[in-house]
Each structure stands twice: as structure tokens, then as C-alpha cells.
PDB file of N, CA and C in Angstrom:
ATOM      1  N   MET A   1     157.462  15.668 226.826  1.00  0.00           N
ATOM      2  CA  MET A   1     156.362  16.600 226.977  1.00  0.00           C
ATOM      3  C   MET A   1     155.302  15.973 227.877  1.00  0.00           C
ATOM      4  N   LYS A   2     154.533  16.869 228.506  1.00  0.00           N
ATOM      5  CA  LYS A   2     153.497  16.442 229.436  1.00  0.00           C
ATOM      6  C   LYS A   2     152.207  17.180 229.091  1.00  0.00           C
ATOM      7  N   ALA A   3     151.084  16.468 229.120  1.00  0.00           N
ATOM      8  CA  ALA A   3     149.792  17.089 228.830  1.00  0.00           C
ATOM      9  C   ALA A   3     148.924  17.084 230.084  1.00  0.00           C
ATOM     10  N   THR A   4     148.236  18.198 230.319  1.00  0.00           N
ATOM     11  CA  THR A   4     147.281  18.294 231.413  1.00  0.00           C
ATOM     12  C   THR A   4     145.996  18.907 230.879  1.00  0.00           C
ATOM     13  N   THR A   5     144.919  18.726 231.621  1.00  0.00           N
ATOM     14  CA  THR A   5     143.651  19.336 231.220  1.00  0.00           C
ATOM     15  C   THR A   5     143.122  20.192 232.362  1.00  0.00           C
ATOM     16  N   LEU A   6     142.355  21.197 231.984  1.00  0.00           N
ATOM     17  CA  LEU A   6     141.654  22.020 232.959  1.00  0.00           C
ATOM     18  C   LEU A   6     140.450  22.637 232.285  1.00  0.00           C
ATOM     19  N   THR A   7     139.521  23.104 233.095  1.00  0.00           N
ATOM     20  CA  THR A   7     138.324  23.749 232.581  1.00  0.00           C
ATOM     21  C   THR A   7     138.534  25.255 232.598  1.00  0.00           C
ATOM     22  N   CYS A   8     138.338  25.888 231.470  1.00  0.00           N
ATOM     23  CA  CYS A   8     138.500  27.334 231.365  1.00  0.00           C
ATOM     24  C   CYS A   8     137.348  28.034 232.090  1.00  0.00           C
ATOM     25  N   ILE A   9     137.679  29.072 232.846  1.00  0.00           N
ATOM     26  CA  ILE A   9     136.662  29.815 233.594  1.00  0.00           C
ATOM     27  C   ILE A   9     136.532  31.266 233.111  1.00  0.00           C
ATOM     28  N   ASN A  10     137.074  31.567 231.950  1.00  0.00           N
ATOM     29  CA  ASN A  10     137.038  32.946 231.458  1.00  0.00           C
ATOM     30  C   ASN A  10     135.720  33.351 230.821  1.00  0.00           C
ATOM     31  N   CYS A  11     134.890  32.410 230.443  1.00  0.00           N
ATOM     32  CA  CYS A  11     133.581  32.740 229.895  1.00  0.00           C
ATOM     33  C   CYS A  11     132.621  31.605 230.220  1.00  0.00           C
ATOM     34  N   PRO A  12     131.340  31.767 229.951  1.00  0.00           N
ATOM     35  CA  PRO A  12     130.356  30.736 230.308  1.00  0.00           C
ATOM     36  C   PRO A  12     130.488  29.413 229.546  1.00  0.00           C
ATOM     37  N   LEU A  13     131.283  29.360 228.491  1.00  0.00           N
ATOM     38  CA  LEU A  13     131.388  28.121 227.715  1.00  0.00           C
ATOM     39  C   LEU A  13     132.047  26.984 228.506  1.00  0.00           C
ATOM     40  N   GLY A  14     132.991  27.289 229.378  1.00  0.00           N
ATOM     41  CA  GLY A  14     133.648  26.259 230.190  1.00  0.00           C
ATOM     42  C   GLY A  14     134.388  25.220 229.368  1.00  0.00           C
ATOM     43  N   CYS A  15     135.151  25.661 228.403  1.00  0.00           N
ATOM     44  CA  CYS A  15     135.891  24.746 227.531  1.00  0.00           C
ATOM     45  C   CYS A  15     136.844  23.860 228.336  1.00  0.00           C
ATOM     46  N   ILE A  16     136.950  22.608 227.920  1.00  0.00           N
ATOM     47  CA  ILE A  16     137.935  21.697 228.497  1.00  0.00           C
ATOM     48  C   ILE A  16     139.208  21.867 227.684  1.00  0.00           C
ATOM     49  N   LEU A  17     140.229  22.434 228.320  1.00  0.00           N
ATOM     50  CA  LEU A  17     141.479  22.747 227.632  1.00  0.00           C
ATOM     51  C   LEU A  17     142.510  21.653 227.872  1.00  0.00           C
ATOM     52  N   THR A  18     143.254  21.334 226.840  1.00  0.00           N
ATOM     53  CA  THR A  18     144.391  20.435 226.963  1.00  0.00           C
ATOM     54  C   THR A  18     145.636  21.268 226.755  1.00  0.00           C
ATOM     55  N   ILE A  19     146.516  21.255 227.760  1.00  0.00           N
ATOM     56  CA  ILE A  19     147.742  22.037 227.712  1.00  0.00           C
ATOM     57  C   ILE A  19     148.915  21.077 227.612  1.00  0.00           C
ATOM     58  N   THR A  20     149.728  21.250 226.597  1.00  0.00           N
ATOM     59  CA  THR A  20     150.934  20.449 226.439  1.00  0.00           C
ATOM     60  C   THR A  20     152.117  21.296 226.869  1.00  0.00           C
ATOM     61  N   LEU A  21     152.887  20.768 227.807  1.00  0.00           N
ATOM     62  CA  LEU A  21     154.033  21.491 228.354  1.00  0.00           C
ATOM     63  C   LEU A  21     155.338  20.840 227.926  1.00  0.00           C
ATOM     64  N   HIS A  22     156.323  21.673 227.611  1.00  0.00           N
ATOM     65  CA  HIS A  22     157.677  21.186 227.384  1.00  0.00           C
ATOM     66  C   HIS A  22     158.227  20.684 228.719  1.00  0.00           C
ATOM     67  N   ASP A  23     159.303  19.944 228.686  1.00  0.00           N
ATOM     68  CA  ASP A  23     159.923  19.432 229.911  1.00  0.00           C
ATOM     69  C   ASP A  23     160.361  20.552 230.847  1.00  0.00           C
ATOM     70  N   ASN A  24     160.669  21.728 230.304  1.00  0.00           N
ATOM     71  CA  ASN A  24     161.090  22.866 231.142  1.00  0.00           C
ATOM     72  C   ASN A  24     159.906  23.639 231.728  1.00  0.00           C
ATOM     73  N   GLY A  25     158.654  23.210 231.437  1.00  0.00           N
ATOM     74  CA  GLY A  25     157.472  23.857 231.990  1.00  0.00           C
ATOM     75  C   GLY A  25     156.830  24.891 231.086  1.00  0.00           C
ATOM     76  N   ASP A  26     157.469  25.229 229.979  1.00  0.00           N
ATOM     77  CA  ASP A  26     156.886  26.187 229.035  1.00  0.00           C
ATOM     78  C   ASP A  26     155.724  25.539 228.283  1.00  0.00           C
ATOM     79  N   VAL A  27     154.732  26.348 227.922  1.00  0.00           N
ATOM     80  CA  VAL A  27     153.570  25.851 227.191  1.00  0.00           C
ATOM     81  C   VAL A  27     153.945  25.627 225.729  1.00  0.00           C
ATOM     82  N   ALA A  28     153.719  24.409 225.252  1.00  0.00           N
ATOM     83  CA  ALA A  28     153.985  24.076 223.852  1.00  0.00           C
ATOM     84  C   ALA A  28     152.734  24.260 223.002  1.00  0.00           C
ATOM     85  N   ASP A  29     151.558  23.883 223.574  1.00  0.00           N
ATOM     86  CA  ASP A  29     150.324  23.938 222.789  1.00  0.00           C
ATOM     87  C   ASP A  29     149.125  23.971 223.730  1.00  0.00           C
ATOM     88  N   VAL A  30     148.066  24.636 223.267  1.00  0.00           N
ATOM     89  CA  VAL A  30     146.786  24.654 223.975  1.00  0.00           C
ATOM     90  C   VAL A  30     145.720  24.287 222.956  1.00  0.00           C
ATOM     91  N   SER A  31     144.855  23.351 223.325  1.00  0.00           N
ATOM     92  CA  SER A  31     143.760  22.981 222.433  1.00  0.00           C
ATOM     93  C   SER A  31     142.475  22.838 223.234  1.00  0.00           C
ATOM     94  N   GLY A  32     141.345  22.825 222.523  1.00  0.00           N
ATOM     95  CA  GLY A  32     140.040  22.690 223.153  1.00  0.00           C
ATOM     96  C   GLY A  32     139.358  24.017 223.404  1.00  0.00           C
ATOM     97  N   ASN A  33     140.064  25.110 223.200  1.00  0.00           N
ATOM     98  CA  ASN A  33     139.481  26.428 223.440  1.00  0.00           C
ATOM     99  C   ASN A  33     138.621  26.861 222.253  1.00  0.00           C
ATOM    100  N   GLN A  34     137.544  27.598 222.584  1.00  0.00           N
ATOM    101  CA  GLN A  34     136.688  28.136 221.534  1.00  0.00           C
ATOM    102  C   GLN A  34     136.905  29.632 221.333  1.00  0.00           C
ATOM    103  N   CYS A  35     137.783  30.225 222.157  1.00  0.00           N
ATOM    104  CA  CYS A  35     138.106  31.641 221.973  1.00  0.00           C
ATOM    105  C   CYS A  35     139.552  31.880 222.415  1.00  0.00           C
ATOM    106  N   ALA A  36     140.096  33.030 222.069  1.00  0.00           N
ATOM    107  CA  ALA A  36     141.490  33.349 222.390  1.00  0.00           C
ATOM    108  C   ALA A  36     141.719  33.477 223.892  1.00  0.00           C
ATOM    109  N   ARG A  37     140.669  33.835 224.640  1.00  0.00           N
ATOM    110  CA  ARG A  37     140.828  33.968 226.089  1.00  0.00           C
ATOM    111  C   ARG A  37     141.214  32.640 226.730  1.00  0.00           C
ATOM    112  N   GLY A  38     140.769  31.550 226.138  1.00  0.00           N
ATOM    113  CA  GLY A  38     141.105  30.230 226.665  1.00  0.00           C
ATOM    114  C   GLY A  38     142.590  29.952 226.589  1.00  0.00           C
ATOM    115  N   VAL A  39     143.217  30.365 225.506  1.00  0.00           N
ATOM    116  CA  VAL A  39     144.665  30.172 225.358  1.00  0.00           C
ATOM    117  C   VAL A  39     145.412  30.979 226.415  1.00  0.00           C
ATOM    118  N   ALA A  40     145.031  32.232 226.584  1.00  0.00           N
ATOM    119  CA  ALA A  40     145.690  33.082 227.580  1.00  0.00           C
ATOM    120  C   ALA A  40     145.493  32.515 228.987  1.00  0.00           C
ATOM    121  N   TYR A  41     144.278  32.056 229.298  1.00  0.00           N
ATOM    122  CA  TYR A  41     144.001  31.477 230.614  1.00  0.00           C
ATOM    123  C   TYR A  41     144.855  30.227 230.848  1.00  0.00           C
ATOM    124  N   ALA A  42     144.917  29.351 229.864  1.00  0.00           N
ATOM    125  CA  ALA A  42     145.684  28.109 229.996  1.00  0.00           C
ATOM    126  C   ALA A  42     147.164  28.393 230.232  1.00  0.00           C
ATOM    127  N   LYS A  43     147.702  29.349 229.489  1.00  0.00           N
ATOM    128  CA  LYS A  43     149.119  29.690 229.656  1.00  0.00           C
ATOM    129  C   LYS A  43     149.380  30.249 231.047  1.00  0.00           C
ATOM    130  N   MET A  44     148.510  31.150 231.513  1.00  0.00           N
ATOM    131  CA  MET A  44     148.696  31.741 232.832  1.00  0.00           C
ATOM    132  C   MET A  44     148.536  30.687 233.931  1.00  0.00           C
ATOM    133  N   GLU A  45     147.515  29.881 233.840  1.00  0.00           N
ATOM    134  CA  GLU A  45     147.237  28.890 234.875  1.00  0.00           C
ATOM    135  C   GLU A  45     148.309  27.796 234.920  1.00  0.00           C
ATOM    136  N   SER A  46     148.936  27.530 233.800  1.00  0.00           N
ATOM    137  CA  SER A  46     149.975  26.500 233.749  1.00  0.00           C
ATOM    138  C   SER A  46     151.334  26.998 234.209  1.00  0.00           C
ATOM    139  N   THR A  47     151.614  28.272 234.018  1.00  0.00           N
ATOM    140  CA  THR A  47     152.950  28.781 234.322  1.00  0.00           C
ATOM    141  C   THR A  47     153.007  29.691 235.541  1.00  0.00           C
ATOM    142  N   ASN A  48     151.928  30.448 235.821  1.00  0.00           N
ATOM    143  CA  ASN A  48     151.919  31.382 236.945  1.00  0.00           C
ATOM    144  C   ASN A  48     150.493  31.574 237.448  1.00  0.00           C
ATOM    145  N   PRO A  49     149.920  30.560 238.134  1.00  0.00           N
ATOM    146  CA  PRO A  49     148.534  30.690 238.578  1.00  0.00           C
ATOM    147  C   PRO A  49     148.382  31.787 239.621  1.00  0.00           C
ATOM    148  N   THR A  50     147.341  32.584 239.479  1.00  0.00           N
ATOM    149  CA  THR A  50     147.063  33.669 240.419  1.00  0.00           C
ATOM    150  C   THR A  50     145.622  33.567 240.894  1.00  0.00           C
ATOM    151  N   ARG A  51     145.357  34.173 242.040  1.00  0.00           N
ATOM    152  CA  ARG A  51     144.016  34.178 242.611  1.00  0.00           C
ATOM    153  C   ARG A  51     143.748  35.512 243.300  1.00  0.00           C
ATOM    154  N   MET A  52     142.489  35.883 243.360  1.00  0.00           N
ATOM    155  CA  MET A  52     142.064  36.978 244.223  1.00  0.00           C
ATOM    156  C   MET A  52     141.945  36.385 245.616  1.00  0.00           C
ATOM    157  N   MET A  53     142.353  37.135 246.625  1.00  0.00           N
ATOM    158  CA  MET A  53     142.260  36.662 248.000  1.00  0.00           C
ATOM    159  C   MET A  53     141.208  37.493 248.711  1.00  0.00           C
ATOM    160  N   THR A  54     140.274  36.843 249.404  1.00  0.00           N
ATOM    161  CA  THR A  54     139.282  37.538 250.201  1.00  0.00           C
ATOM    162  C   THR A  54     139.379  37.054 251.639  1.00  0.00           C
ATOM    163  N   SER A  55     139.073  37.943 252.560  1.00  0.00           N
ATOM    164  CA  SER A  55     139.139  37.602 253.980  1.00  0.00           C
ATOM    165  C   SER A  55     138.386  38.673 254.761  1.00  0.00           C
ATOM    166  N   THR A  56     138.610  38.705 256.067  1.00  0.00           N
ATOM    167  CA  THR A  56     138.057  39.757 256.916  1.00  0.00           C
ATOM    168  C   THR A  56     139.140  40.236 257.872  1.00  0.00           C
ATOM    169  N   VAL A  57     138.950  41.452 258.378  1.00  0.00           N
ATOM    170  CA  VAL A  57     139.874  42.052 259.346  1.00  0.00           C
ATOM    171  C   VAL A  57     139.031  42.538 260.525  1.00  0.00           C
ATOM    172  N   ARG A  58     139.559  42.385 261.728  1.00  0.00           N
ATOM    173  CA  ARG A  58     138.852  42.850 262.924  1.00  0.00           C
ATOM    174  C   ARG A  58     138.641  44.360 262.864  1.00  0.00           C
ATOM    175  N   LEU A  59     137.510  44.783 263.439  1.00  0.00           N
ATOM    176  CA  LEU A  59     137.132  46.186 263.414  1.00  0.00           C
ATOM    177  C   LEU A  59     136.642  46.594 264.798  1.00  0.00           C
ATOM    178  N   THR A  60     137.161  47.706 265.306  1.00  0.00           N
ATOM    179  CA  THR A  60     136.680  48.236 266.582  1.00  0.00           C
ATOM    180  C   THR A  60     135.872  49.494 266.336  1.00  0.00           C
ATOM    181  N   GLY A  61     134.848  49.676 267.150  1.00  0.00           N
ATOM    182  CA  GLY A  61     134.036  50.884 267.072  1.00  0.00           C
ATOM    183  C   GLY A  61     133.113  50.951 265.883  1.00  0.00           C
ATOM    184  N   GLY A  62     132.915  49.830 265.217  1.00  0.00           N
ATOM    185  CA  GLY A  62     132.079  49.828 264.020  1.00  0.00           C
ATOM    186  C   GLY A  62     130.728  49.191 264.252  1.00  0.00           C
ATOM    187  N   ALA A  63     129.847  49.361 263.284  1.00  0.00           N
ATOM    188  CA  ALA A  63     128.512  48.791 263.344  1.00  0.00           C
ATOM    189  C   ALA A  63     128.554  47.266 263.255  1.00  0.00           C
ATOM    190  N   ILE A  64     129.647  46.719 262.762  1.00  0.00           N
ATOM    191  CA  ILE A  64     129.891  45.269 262.761  1.00  0.00           C
ATOM    192  C   ILE A  64     131.313  45.036 263.261  1.00  0.00           C
ATOM    193  N   ALA A  65     131.618  43.797 263.629  1.00  0.00           N
ATOM    194  CA  ALA A  65     132.902  43.490 264.272  1.00  0.00           C
ATOM    195  C   ALA A  65     134.040  43.195 263.296  1.00  0.00           C
ATOM    196  N   GLN A  66     133.722  42.979 262.030  1.00  0.00           N
ATOM    197  CA  GLN A  66     134.748  42.681 261.034  1.00  0.00           C
ATOM    198  C   GLN A  66     134.422  43.415 259.737  1.00  0.00           C
ATOM    199  N   VAL A  67     135.472  43.717 258.986  1.00  0.00           N
ATOM    200  CA  VAL A  67     135.281  44.345 257.684  1.00  0.00           C
ATOM    201  C   VAL A  67     135.792  43.374 256.612  1.00  0.00           C
ATOM    202  N   PRO A  68     135.017  43.136 255.552  1.00  0.00           N
ATOM    203  CA  PRO A  68     135.493  42.267 254.484  1.00  0.00           C
ATOM    204  C   PRO A  68     136.574  42.975 253.659  1.00  0.00           C
ATOM    205  N   VAL A  69     137.572  42.197 253.244  1.00  0.00           N
ATOM    206  CA  VAL A  69     138.688  42.733 252.464  1.00  0.00           C
ATOM    207  C   VAL A  69     139.013  41.803 251.307  1.00  0.00           C
ATOM    208  N   LYS A  70     139.746  42.324 250.337  1.00  0.00           N
ATOM    209  CA  LYS A  70     140.215  41.519 249.206  1.00  0.00           C
ATOM    210  C   LYS A  70     141.477  42.144 248.648  1.00  0.00           C
ATOM    211  N   THR A  71     142.200  41.377 247.857  1.00  0.00           N
ATOM    212  CA  THR A  71     143.352  41.939 247.165  1.00  0.00           C
ATOM    213  C   THR A  71     142.844  42.809 246.025  1.00  0.00           C
ATOM    214  N   ALA A  72     143.559  43.876 245.740  1.00  0.00           N
ATOM    215  CA  ALA A  72     143.164  44.789 244.670  1.00  0.00           C
ATOM    216  C   ALA A  72     143.400  44.185 243.288  1.00  0.00           C
ATOM    217  N   ALA A  73     144.194  43.131 243.216  1.00  0.00           N
ATOM    218  CA  ALA A  73     144.494  42.423 241.977  1.00  0.00           C
ATOM    219  C   ALA A  73     144.856  40.982 242.346  1.00  0.00           C
ATOM    220  N   PRO A  74     144.870  40.091 241.384  1.00  0.00           N
ATOM    221  CA  PRO A  74     145.261  38.716 241.701  1.00  0.00           C
ATOM    222  C   PRO A  74     146.706  38.646 242.200  1.00  0.00           C
ATOM    223  N   ILE A  75     146.959  37.684 243.085  1.00  0.00           N
ATOM    224  CA  ILE A  75     148.309  37.440 243.608  1.00  0.00           C
ATOM    225  C   ILE A  75     148.688  35.995 243.288  1.00  0.00           C
ATOM    226  N   PRO A  76     149.978  35.658 243.331  1.00  0.00           N
ATOM    227  CA  PRO A  76     150.365  34.270 243.073  1.00  0.00           C
ATOM    228  C   PRO A  76     149.632  33.302 244.007  1.00  0.00           C
ATOM    229  N   LYS A  77     149.126  32.233 243.443  1.00  0.00           N
ATOM    230  CA  LYS A  77     148.342  31.251 244.187  1.00  0.00           C
ATOM    231  C   LYS A  77     149.085  30.751 245.423  1.00  0.00           C
ATOM    232  N   GLY A  78     150.374  30.568 245.314  1.00  0.00           N
ATOM    233  CA  GLY A  78     151.181  30.065 246.424  1.00  0.00           C
ATOM    234  C   GLY A  78     151.307  31.025 247.593  1.00  0.00           C
ATOM    235  N   LEU A  79     150.902  32.282 247.417  1.00  0.00           N
ATOM    236  CA  LEU A  79     151.007  33.269 248.492  1.00  0.00           C
ATOM    237  C   LEU A  79     149.669  33.596 249.159  1.00  0.00           C
ATOM    238  N   VAL A  80     148.599  32.934 248.756  1.00  0.00           N
ATOM    239  CA  VAL A  80     147.284  33.237 249.315  1.00  0.00           C
ATOM    240  C   VAL A  80     147.243  32.958 250.817  1.00  0.00           C
ATOM    241  N   VAL A  81     147.700  31.806 251.255  1.00  0.00           N
ATOM    242  CA  VAL A  81     147.665  31.454 252.676  1.00  0.00           C
ATOM    243  C   VAL A  81     148.525  32.422 253.489  1.00  0.00           C
ATOM    244  N   ASP A  82     149.719  32.733 253.010  1.00  0.00           N
ATOM    245  CA  ASP A  82     150.580  33.689 253.715  1.00  0.00           C
ATOM    246  C   ASP A  82     149.942  35.071 253.779  1.00  0.00           C
ATOM    247  N   SER A  83     149.221  35.447 252.744  1.00  0.00           N
ATOM    248  CA  SER A  83     148.554  36.748 252.718  1.00  0.00           C
ATOM    249  C   SER A  83     147.439  36.823 253.754  1.00  0.00           C
ATOM    250  N   VAL A  84     146.698  35.749 253.899  1.00  0.00           N
ATOM    251  CA  VAL A  84     145.650  35.709 254.925  1.00  0.00           C
ATOM    252  C   VAL A  84     146.288  35.795 256.311  1.00  0.00           C
ATOM    253  N   LYS A  85     147.395  35.089 256.510  1.00  0.00           N
ATOM    254  CA  LYS A  85     148.103  35.139 257.801  1.00  0.00           C
ATOM    255  C   LYS A  85     148.617  36.550 258.095  1.00  0.00           C
ATOM    256  N   ALA A  86     149.020  37.282 257.068  1.00  0.00           N
ATOM    257  CA  ALA A  86     149.523  38.647 257.254  1.00  0.00           C
ATOM    258  C   ALA A  86     148.420  39.589 257.735  1.00  0.00           C
ATOM    259  N   LEU A  87     147.169  39.249 257.496  1.00  0.00           N
ATOM    260  CA  LEU A  87     146.049  40.076 257.929  1.00  0.00           C
ATOM    261  C   LEU A  87     145.667  39.839 259.392  1.00  0.00           C
ATOM    262  N   LYS A  88     146.067  38.703 259.942  1.00  0.00           N
ATOM    263  CA  LYS A  88     145.639  38.322 261.295  1.00  0.00           C
ATOM    264  C   LYS A  88     145.913  39.387 262.363  1.00  0.00           C
ATOM    265  N   PRO A  89     147.084  40.012 262.409  1.00  0.00           N
ATOM    266  CA  PRO A  89     147.325  40.992 263.472  1.00  0.00           C
ATOM    267  C   PRO A  89     146.686  42.372 263.233  1.00  0.00           C
ATOM    268  N   ILE A  90     146.093  42.576 262.072  1.00  0.00           N
ATOM    269  CA  ILE A  90     145.555  43.893 261.740  1.00  0.00           C
ATOM    270  C   ILE A  90     144.195  44.095 262.391  1.00  0.00           C
ATOM    271  N   GLU A  91     144.032  45.269 262.999  1.00  0.00           N
ATOM    272  CA  GLU A  91     142.746  45.667 263.572  1.00  0.00           C
ATOM    273  C   GLU A  91     142.504  47.119 263.163  1.00  0.00           C
ATOM    274  N   LEU A  92     141.385  47.356 262.514  1.00  0.00           N
ATOM    275  CA  LEU A  92     141.035  48.696 262.066  1.00  0.00           C
ATOM    276  C   LEU A  92     140.074  49.345 263.049  1.00  0.00           C
ATOM    277  N   ALA A  93     140.021  50.660 263.009  1.00  0.00           N
ATOM    278  CA  ALA A  93     139.059  51.415 263.805  1.00  0.00           C
ATOM    279  C   ALA A  93     138.065  52.065 262.844  1.00  0.00           C
ATOM    280  N   ALA A  94     136.803  51.992 263.177  1.00  0.00           N
ATOM    281  CA  ALA A  94     135.755  52.601 262.359  1.00  0.00           C
ATOM    282  C   ALA A  94     135.883  54.126 262.423  1.00  0.00           C
ATOM    283  N   PRO A  95     135.487  54.814 261.379  1.00  0.00           N
ATOM    284  CA  PRO A  95     134.836  54.317 260.174  1.00  0.00           C
ATOM    285  C   PRO A  95     135.846  53.792 259.152  1.00  0.00           C
ATOM    286  N   VAL A  96     135.379  52.886 258.313  1.00  0.00           N
ATOM    287  CA  VAL A  96     136.170  52.335 257.211  1.00  0.00           C
ATOM    288  C   VAL A  96     135.423  52.657 255.925  1.00  0.00           C
ATOM    289  N   THR A  97     136.163  53.025 254.889  1.00  0.00           N
ATOM    290  CA  THR A  97     135.520  53.351 253.612  1.00  0.00           C
ATOM    291  C   THR A  97     135.836  52.297 252.559  1.00  0.00           C
ATOM    292  N   LEU A  98     134.905  52.093 251.682  1.00  0.00           N
ATOM    293  CA  LEU A  98     135.080  51.166 250.562  1.00  0.00           C
ATOM    294  C   LEU A  98     136.352  51.518 249.799  1.00  0.00           C
ATOM    295  N   GLY A  99     137.212  50.556 249.564  1.00  0.00           N
ATOM    296  CA  GLY A  99     138.452  50.784 248.827  1.00  0.00           C
ATOM    297  C   GLY A  99     139.616  51.240 249.682  1.00  0.00           C
ATOM    298  N   GLN A 100     139.379  51.464 250.970  1.00  0.00           N
ATOM    299  CA  GLN A 100     140.463  51.881 251.874  1.00  0.00           C
ATOM    300  C   GLN A 100     141.539  50.810 251.918  1.00  0.00           C
ATOM    301  N   VAL A 101     142.799  51.224 251.793  1.00  0.00           N
ATOM    302  CA  VAL A 101     143.914  50.270 251.843  1.00  0.00           C
ATOM    303  C   VAL A 101     144.087  49.793 253.274  1.00  0.00           C
ATOM    304  N   VAL A 102     144.047  48.485 253.447  1.00  0.00           N
ATOM    305  CA  VAL A 102     144.172  47.842 254.750  1.00  0.00           C
ATOM    306  C   VAL A 102     145.607  47.361 254.963  1.00  0.00           C
ATOM    307  N   LEU A 103     146.228  46.869 253.901  1.00  0.00           N
ATOM    308  CA  LEU A 103     147.606  46.378 253.951  1.00  0.00           C
ATOM    309  C   LEU A 103     148.244  46.630 252.600  1.00  0.00           C
ATOM    310  N   THR A 104     149.372  47.336 252.591  1.00  0.00           N
ATOM    311  CA  THR A 104     150.046  47.611 251.323  1.00  0.00           C
ATOM    312  C   THR A 104     151.035  46.502 250.994  1.00  0.00           C
ATOM    313  N   ASN A 105     151.188  46.236 249.719  1.00  0.00           N
ATOM    314  CA  ASN A 105     152.207  45.311 249.215  1.00  0.00           C
ATOM    315  C   ASN A 105     152.205  43.984 249.974  1.00  0.00           C
ATOM    316  N   VAL A 106     151.062  43.334 250.024  1.00  0.00           N
ATOM    317  CA  VAL A 106     150.927  42.091 250.788  1.00  0.00           C
ATOM    318  C   VAL A 106     151.943  41.044 250.316  1.00  0.00           C
ATOM    319  N   CYS A 107     152.716  40.545 251.231  1.00  0.00           N
ATOM    320  CA  CYS A 107     153.727  39.498 250.989  1.00  0.00           C
ATOM    321  C   CYS A 107     154.679  39.842 249.841  1.00  0.00           C
ATOM    322  N   GLY A 108     154.965  41.127 249.647  1.00  0.00           N
ATOM    323  CA  GLY A 108     155.903  41.549 248.612  1.00  0.00           C
ATOM    324  C   GLY A 108     155.384  41.390 247.196  1.00  0.00           C
ATOM    325  N   THR A 109     154.074  41.272 247.031  1.00  0.00           N
ATOM    326  CA  THR A 109     153.492  41.076 245.702  1.00  0.00           C
ATOM    327  C   THR A 109     153.307  42.366 244.920  1.00  0.00           C
ATOM    328  N   GLY A 110     153.368  43.505 245.623  1.00  0.00           N
ATOM    329  CA  GLY A 110     153.069  44.770 244.981  1.00  0.00           C
ATOM    330  C   GLY A 110     151.576  45.052 244.924  1.00  0.00           C
ATOM    331  N   VAL A 111     150.777  44.181 245.526  1.00  0.00           N
ATOM    332  CA  VAL A 111     149.317  44.303 245.515  1.00  0.00           C
ATOM    333  C   VAL A 111     148.844  44.682 246.916  1.00  0.00           C
ATOM    334  N   ASP A 112     147.914  45.631 246.978  1.00  0.00           N
ATOM    335  CA  ASP A 112     147.345  46.056 248.258  1.00  0.00           C
ATOM    336  C   ASP A 112     146.104  45.235 248.592  1.00  0.00           C
ATOM    337  N   VAL A 113     145.813  45.145 249.891  1.00  0.00           N
ATOM    338  CA  VAL A 113     144.553  44.573 250.358  1.00  0.00           C
ATOM    339  C   VAL A 113     143.655  45.756 250.712  1.00  0.00           C
ATOM    340  N   VAL A 114     142.421  45.739 250.213  1.00  0.00           N
ATOM    341  CA  VAL A 114     141.502  46.865 250.393  1.00  0.00           C
ATOM    342  C   VAL A 114     140.188  46.406 251.008  1.00  0.00           C
ATOM    343  N   ALA A 115     139.507  47.337 251.683  1.00  0.00           N
ATOM    344  CA  ALA A 115     138.188  47.075 252.250  1.00  0.00           C
ATOM    345  C   ALA A 115     137.172  46.981 251.116  1.00  0.00           C
ATOM    346  N   THR A 116     136.242  46.049 251.246  1.00  0.00           N
ATOM    347  CA  THR A 116     135.223  45.883 250.208  1.00  0.00           C
ATOM    348  C   THR A 116     133.857  46.406 250.647  1.00  0.00           C
ATOM    349  N   ARG A 117     133.861  47.100 251.766  1.00  0.00           N
ATOM    350  CA  ARG A 117     132.607  47.657 252.278  1.00  0.00           C
ATOM    351  C   ARG A 117     132.912  48.850 253.168  1.00  0.00           C
ATOM    352  N   SER A 118     132.060  49.844 253.146  1.00  0.00           N
ATOM    353  CA  SER A 118     132.168  50.958 254.086  1.00  0.00           C
ATOM    354  C   SER A 118     131.452  50.568 255.377  1.00  0.00           C
ATOM    355  N   ILE A 119     132.088  50.843 256.506  1.00  0.00           N
ATOM    356  CA  ILE A 119     131.502  50.512 257.811  1.00  0.00           C
ATOM    357  C   ILE A 119     131.500  51.798 258.647  1.00  0.00           C
ATOM    358  N   PRO A 120     130.316  52.238 259.063  1.00  0.00           N
ATOM    359  CA  PRO A 120     130.246  53.459 259.888  1.00  0.00           C
ATOM    360  C   PRO A 120     130.591  53.166 261.347  1.00  0.00           C
ATOM    361  N   VAL A 121     130.769  54.227 262.098  1.00  0.00           N
ATOM    362  CA  VAL A 121     130.941  54.098 263.542  1.00  0.00           C
ATOM    363  C   VAL A 121     129.608  53.653 264.113  1.00  0.00           C
ATOM    364  N   GLY A 122     129.653  52.777 265.099  1.00  0.00           N
ATOM    365  CA  GLY A 122     128.413  52.316 265.717  1.00  0.00           C
ATOM    366  C   GLY A 122     128.679  51.122 266.598  1.00  0.00           C
ATOM    367  N   LYS A 123     127.635  50.601 267.198  1.00  0.00           N
ATOM    368  CA  LYS A 123     127.764  49.437 268.064  1.00  0.00           C
ATOM    369  C   LYS A 123     127.716  48.177 267.221  1.00  0.00           C
ATOM    370  N   ALA A 124     128.683  47.277 267.468  1.00  0.00           N
ATOM    371  CA  ALA A 124     128.683  45.991 266.778  1.00  0.00           C
ATOM    372  C   ALA A 124     127.539  45.141 267.299  1.00  0.00           C
ATOM    373  N   GLU A 125     126.899  44.437 266.398  1.00  0.00           N
ATOM    374  CA  GLU A 125     125.766  43.590 266.785  1.00  0.00           C
ATOM    375  C   GLU A 125     126.226  42.288 267.372  1.00  0.00           C
TER     376      GLU A 125
END
């Protein structure tokens, strides 16, 4: 068995969690948590870490030159860099609306990338 520690980020308490893993990578035990969310976080972070991905996409004809975007849900941590690279060739035309899908099923995750801001037509500054 192998033990690792991490700081829980699910609430303001910031518990220091100790995760004991079986040799096959399965979670055997979690300790140090002060709430049930800590156990769920430790299990997820130890076996399938995910992250929200944020970036920008080029924009033509808009009041600004780029539109901020993010994944609609967390994606596997190992696919964040590839997901950002998948956005590089994308160029949107204004107007853009908040929540507009910019890229569907990024890197085969089943998660869409969406605009996080509405951008009207106008001259970029």
C-alpha cells in the first residue's frame, strides 16, 4: 500500500487528507477529512483527477479581439493541454453570446467549450 497527502479544496476548511492506495491504485482509506466531501474529493483526485479548462479564442468583428471560454464541466486533467491546443485554430465572428458553444466534445470528453462572455459587434480596442 502507498499513502499520499493532499489539501482538500471542497470547502474553506482546507483539510489535509491522507489517502491510502492499494497496489492496484484503488483507494483503501481516506483520513483527515472533517466532512464527507473530503472523502469524495480524495477518491476522485487520486483515481481520476479532473479540471475546468479556461482559455481564449480569437474573435473577428468584435468589440475585443478575443473571447474568454471554458469547459462546461470538468475534463480529465491529462487532457487540459490537448484541449487548449484544440482551440488554437478556432476563430469566431462577433457577435458572441454567453454560453455559446465554441467547440463540441473537446478531445472526445463529451464536454463542450463555451463562451464565458457576450461580445457585441464593434471595433476591437
